[in-house]
């Protein structure tokens, strides 16, 4: 789902709010979450799960051996048990 689709969907559910209002709220959420994730904090989304960014130091090897140590940055999402069940139920159909 694209950013524009999210805004349009929410605006349809909230007819008293314009797409511009909805876009502003979504953009503020993204800004807040980005700031929190870059600080090493987690984002907890009720009924869905937990989002975090993790850093991992790696010893370079092969063609990158000259680099010494590398830092890997990756996002991690841990779904709640209920959301996992929901995903499994929807993929079985």
N, C-alpha and C. Protein backbone atom coordinates (compact mmCIF):
# COMPACT_ATOMS: atom_id res chain seq x y z
N UNK A 1 0.85 -1.17 0.00
CA UNK A 1 0.00 0.00 0.00
C UNK A 1 0.90 1.24 0.00
N UNK A 2 0.63 2.15 -0.90
CA UNK A 2 1.42 3.36 -1.03
C UNK A 2 0.91 4.45 -0.09
N UNK A 3 1.77 5.42 0.19
CA UNK A 3 1.46 6.55 1.08
C UNK A 3 0.15 7.22 0.66
N UNK A 4 0.00 7.47 -0.61
CA UNK A 4 -1.20 8.13 -1.13
C UNK A 4 -2.46 7.29 -0.89
N UNK A 5 -2.33 5.98 -1.04
CA UNK A 5 -3.46 5.08 -0.80
C UNK A 5 -3.87 5.08 0.67
N UNK A 6 -2.89 5.12 1.57
CA UNK A 6 -3.18 5.16 3.00
C UNK A 6 -3.97 6.43 3.32
N UNK A 7 -3.51 7.55 2.81
CA UNK A 7 -4.17 8.84 3.04
C UNK A 7 -5.60 8.81 2.52
N UNK A 8 -5.79 8.33 1.31
CA UNK A 8 -7.13 8.28 0.71
C UNK A 8 -8.05 7.36 1.51
N UNK A 9 -7.54 6.22 1.95
CA UNK A 9 -8.35 5.27 2.72
C UNK A 9 -8.80 5.89 4.05
N UNK A 10 -7.87 6.52 4.75
CA UNK A 10 -8.21 7.13 6.04
C UNK A 10 -9.17 8.30 5.84
N UNK A 11 -8.95 9.10 4.82
CA UNK A 11 -9.84 10.24 4.55
C UNK A 11 -11.26 9.77 4.25
N UNK A 12 -11.41 8.63 3.58
CA UNK A 12 -12.75 8.09 3.32
C UNK A 12 -13.43 7.64 4.62
N UNK A 13 -12.64 7.11 5.55
CA UNK A 13 -13.18 6.67 6.84
C UNK A 13 -13.50 7.83 7.77
N UNK A 14 -12.87 8.98 7.52
CA UNK A 14 -13.08 10.18 8.34
C UNK A 14 -13.56 11.32 7.43
N UNK A 15 -14.82 11.27 7.02
CA UNK A 15 -15.31 12.24 6.03
C UNK A 15 -15.25 13.70 6.48
N UNK A 16 -15.11 13.93 7.77
CA UNK A 16 -15.01 15.31 8.26
C UNK A 16 -13.58 15.84 8.22
N UNK A 17 -12.63 15.02 7.74
CA UNK A 17 -11.22 15.42 7.61
C UNK A 17 -10.82 15.41 6.14
N UNK A 18 -10.05 16.41 5.75
CA UNK A 18 -9.58 16.47 4.37
C UNK A 18 -8.36 15.56 4.20
N UNK A 19 -8.04 15.25 2.95
CA UNK A 19 -6.85 14.46 2.68
C UNK A 19 -5.61 15.22 3.15
N UNK A 20 -5.64 16.53 3.07
CA UNK A 20 -4.52 17.33 3.53
C UNK A 20 -4.32 17.17 5.04
N UNK A 21 -5.41 17.18 5.81
CA UNK A 21 -5.33 16.96 7.26
C UNK A 21 -4.76 15.58 7.57
N UNK A 22 -5.26 14.59 6.87
CA UNK A 22 -4.82 13.21 7.08
C UNK A 22 -3.34 13.09 6.72
N UNK A 23 -2.94 13.66 5.59
CA UNK A 23 -1.53 13.61 5.15
C UNK A 23 -0.62 14.23 6.22
N UNK A 24 -1.06 15.34 6.80
CA UNK A 24 -0.26 16.00 7.82
C UNK A 24 -0.06 15.10 9.05
N UNK A 25 -1.12 14.43 9.48
CA UNK A 25 -1.02 13.53 10.62
C UNK A 25 -0.09 12.35 10.29
N UNK A 26 -0.27 11.76 9.12
CA UNK A 26 0.58 10.63 8.71
C UNK A 26 2.04 11.06 8.63
N UNK A 27 2.29 12.22 8.04
CA UNK A 27 3.66 12.71 7.94
C UNK A 27 4.27 12.98 9.32
N UNK A 28 3.48 13.49 10.25
CA UNK A 28 3.97 13.70 11.61
C UNK A 28 4.28 12.38 12.31
N UNK A 29 3.43 11.37 12.08
CA UNK A 29 3.70 10.05 12.64
C UNK A 29 5.01 9.48 12.10
N UNK A 30 5.20 9.60 10.81
CA UNK A 30 6.43 9.09 10.19
C UNK A 30 7.65 9.81 10.75
N UNK A 31 7.54 11.12 10.91
CA UNK A 31 8.64 11.91 11.48
C UNK A 31 8.94 11.47 12.92
N UNK A 32 7.90 11.33 13.72
CA UNK A 32 8.07 10.91 15.11
C UNK A 32 8.68 9.52 15.19
N UNK A 33 8.14 8.58 14.42
CA UNK A 33 8.65 7.21 14.44
C UNK A 33 10.09 7.14 13.95
N UNK A 34 10.41 7.90 12.91
CA UNK A 34 11.79 7.92 12.40
C UNK A 34 12.74 8.43 13.47
N UNK A 35 12.36 9.50 14.15
CA UNK A 35 13.20 10.04 15.22
C UNK A 35 13.40 9.01 16.32
N UNK A 36 12.34 8.33 16.73
CA UNK A 36 12.44 7.33 17.80
C UNK A 36 13.32 6.16 17.38
N UNK A 37 13.15 5.69 16.15
CA UNK A 37 13.94 4.56 15.68
C UNK A 37 15.41 4.91 15.57
N UNK A 38 15.73 6.14 15.13
CA UNK A 38 17.14 6.52 15.03
C UNK A 38 17.78 6.68 16.40
N UNK A 39 16.98 6.89 17.43
CA UNK A 39 17.49 6.97 18.81
C UNK A 39 17.65 5.58 19.44
N UNK A 40 17.27 4.55 18.71
CA UNK A 40 17.37 3.19 19.23
C UNK A 40 16.13 2.72 19.97
N UNK A 41 15.08 3.51 19.93
CA UNK A 41 13.84 3.13 20.59
C UNK A 41 12.98 2.24 19.69
N UNK A 42 12.03 1.58 20.30
CA UNK A 42 11.11 0.71 19.55
C UNK A 42 9.78 1.42 19.36
N UNK A 43 9.07 1.03 18.31
CA UNK A 43 7.72 1.51 18.06
C UNK A 43 6.79 0.33 18.34
N UNK A 44 5.90 0.50 19.30
CA UNK A 44 4.95 -0.55 19.65
C UNK A 44 3.60 -0.22 19.05
N UNK A 45 3.11 -1.09 18.20
CA UNK A 45 1.83 -0.90 17.53
C UNK A 45 0.84 -1.91 18.09
N UNK A 46 -0.13 -1.45 18.89
CA UNK A 46 -1.06 -2.38 19.53
C UNK A 46 -1.71 -3.31 18.52
N UNK A 47 -1.83 -4.55 18.88
CA UNK A 47 -2.43 -5.64 18.11
C UNK A 47 -1.63 -6.03 16.86
N UNK A 48 -0.59 -5.27 16.51
CA UNK A 48 0.20 -5.61 15.32
C UNK A 48 1.59 -6.10 15.70
N UNK A 49 2.35 -5.30 16.44
CA UNK A 49 3.67 -5.75 16.82
C UNK A 49 4.62 -4.64 17.18
N UNK A 50 5.91 -4.97 17.14
CA UNK A 50 6.97 -4.06 17.56
C UNK A 50 7.96 -3.88 16.40
N UNK A 51 8.32 -2.63 16.15
CA UNK A 51 9.26 -2.29 15.09
C UNK A 51 10.50 -1.69 15.72
N UNK A 52 11.67 -2.14 15.29
CA UNK A 52 12.92 -1.59 15.80
C UNK A 52 13.98 -1.62 14.71
N UNK A 53 15.02 -0.82 14.92
CA UNK A 53 16.18 -0.81 14.03
C UNK A 53 17.34 -1.32 14.85
N UNK A 54 18.09 -2.24 14.30
CA UNK A 54 19.22 -2.81 15.01
C UNK A 54 20.50 -2.65 14.20
N UNK A 55 21.59 -2.47 14.92
CA UNK A 55 22.91 -2.35 14.31
C UNK A 55 23.71 -3.59 14.66
N UNK A 56 24.50 -4.04 13.70
CA UNK A 56 25.33 -5.21 13.94
C UNK A 56 26.71 -4.93 13.38
N UNK A 57 27.75 -5.07 14.21
CA UNK A 57 29.12 -4.92 13.74
C UNK A 57 29.59 -6.24 13.16
N UNK A 58 30.15 -6.18 11.98
CA UNK A 58 30.61 -7.38 11.29
C UNK A 58 32.07 -7.25 10.90
N UNK A 59 32.77 -8.33 10.90
CA UNK A 59 34.13 -8.37 10.39
C UNK A 59 34.04 -8.57 8.87
N UNK A 60 34.60 -7.64 8.12
CA UNK A 60 34.55 -7.74 6.66
C UNK A 60 35.41 -8.90 6.20
N UNK A 61 34.97 -9.52 5.11
CA UNK A 61 35.72 -10.62 4.55
C UNK A 61 35.68 -10.57 3.03
N UNK A 62 36.39 -11.43 2.39
CA UNK A 62 36.39 -11.50 0.93
C UNK A 62 36.87 -10.21 0.30
N UNK A 63 36.12 -9.71 -0.68
CA UNK A 63 36.50 -8.49 -1.41
C UNK A 63 36.46 -7.25 -0.51
N UNK A 64 35.77 -7.34 0.62
CA UNK A 64 35.65 -6.18 1.52
C UNK A 64 36.62 -6.23 2.69
N UNK A 65 37.56 -7.16 2.69
CA UNK A 65 38.45 -7.34 3.83
C UNK A 65 39.21 -6.05 4.17
N UNK A 66 39.49 -5.24 3.15
CA UNK A 66 40.21 -3.98 3.39
C UNK A 66 39.41 -3.01 4.24
N UNK A 67 38.11 -3.19 4.27
CA UNK A 67 37.24 -2.29 5.03
C UNK A 67 37.36 -2.51 6.54
N UNK A 68 37.89 -3.65 6.95
CA UNK A 68 37.99 -3.94 8.38
C UNK A 68 36.64 -4.36 8.93
N UNK A 69 36.05 -3.52 9.75
CA UNK A 69 34.74 -3.82 10.33
C UNK A 69 33.67 -3.05 9.57
N UNK A 70 32.53 -3.67 9.41
CA UNK A 70 31.38 -3.07 8.75
C UNK A 70 30.23 -3.01 9.73
N UNK A 71 29.34 -2.07 9.52
CA UNK A 71 28.16 -1.99 10.37
C UNK A 71 26.93 -2.25 9.51
N UNK A 72 26.17 -3.22 9.92
CA UNK A 72 24.94 -3.59 9.21
C UNK A 72 23.77 -2.95 9.96
N UNK A 73 22.91 -2.27 9.22
CA UNK A 73 21.71 -1.65 9.79
C UNK A 73 20.51 -2.39 9.21
N UNK A 74 19.65 -2.88 10.08
CA UNK A 74 18.47 -3.58 9.56
C UNK A 74 17.26 -3.34 10.45
N UNK A 75 16.10 -3.38 9.81
CA UNK A 75 14.85 -3.22 10.53
C UNK A 75 14.33 -4.58 10.98
N UNK A 76 13.71 -4.58 12.14
CA UNK A 76 13.16 -5.82 12.67
C UNK A 76 11.71 -5.56 13.07
N UNK A 77 10.83 -6.44 12.64
CA UNK A 77 9.43 -6.37 13.02
C UNK A 77 9.06 -7.66 13.72
N UNK A 78 8.52 -7.53 14.92
CA UNK A 78 8.10 -8.70 15.68
C UNK A 78 6.58 -8.64 15.85
N UNK A 79 5.86 -9.43 15.09
CA UNK A 79 4.39 -9.40 15.19
C UNK A 79 3.90 -9.99 16.51
N UNK A 80 2.74 -9.51 16.95
CA UNK A 80 2.11 -10.08 18.14
C UNK A 80 1.60 -11.48 17.79
N UNK A 81 1.40 -12.33 18.79
CA UNK A 81 0.86 -13.67 18.51
C UNK A 81 -0.47 -13.63 17.75
N UNK A 82 -1.34 -12.69 18.12
CA UNK A 82 -2.63 -12.58 17.43
C UNK A 82 -2.48 -12.20 15.98
N UNK A 83 -1.54 -11.30 15.69
CA UNK A 83 -1.31 -10.89 14.30
C UNK A 83 -0.69 -12.03 13.50
N UNK A 84 0.20 -12.80 14.14
CA UNK A 84 0.78 -13.97 13.47
C UNK A 84 -0.32 -14.95 13.06
N UNK A 85 -1.26 -15.19 14.00
CA UNK A 85 -2.38 -16.10 13.69
C UNK A 85 -3.18 -15.57 12.51
N UNK A 86 -3.46 -14.28 12.54
CA UNK A 86 -4.23 -13.66 11.47
C UNK A 86 -3.52 -13.81 10.12
N UNK A 87 -2.22 -13.64 10.10
CA UNK A 87 -1.45 -13.79 8.87
C UNK A 87 -1.53 -15.23 8.37
N UNK A 88 -1.35 -16.17 9.28
CA UNK A 88 -1.40 -17.59 8.90
C UNK A 88 -2.77 -17.96 8.37
N UNK A 89 -3.82 -17.47 9.01
CA UNK A 89 -5.18 -17.77 8.55
C UNK A 89 -5.44 -17.20 7.15
N UNK A 90 -4.93 -16.04 6.87
CA UNK A 90 -5.14 -15.41 5.56
C UNK A 90 -4.29 -16.04 4.46
N UNK A 91 -3.15 -16.64 4.81
CA UNK A 91 -2.31 -17.25 3.78
C UNK A 91 -2.75 -18.67 3.46
N UNK A 92 -3.53 -19.28 4.34
CA UNK A 92 -4.00 -20.65 4.11
C UNK A 92 -5.12 -20.67 3.06
N UNK A 93 -5.90 -19.62 3.00
CA UNK A 93 -7.07 -19.58 2.11
C UNK A 93 -6.71 -19.78 0.67
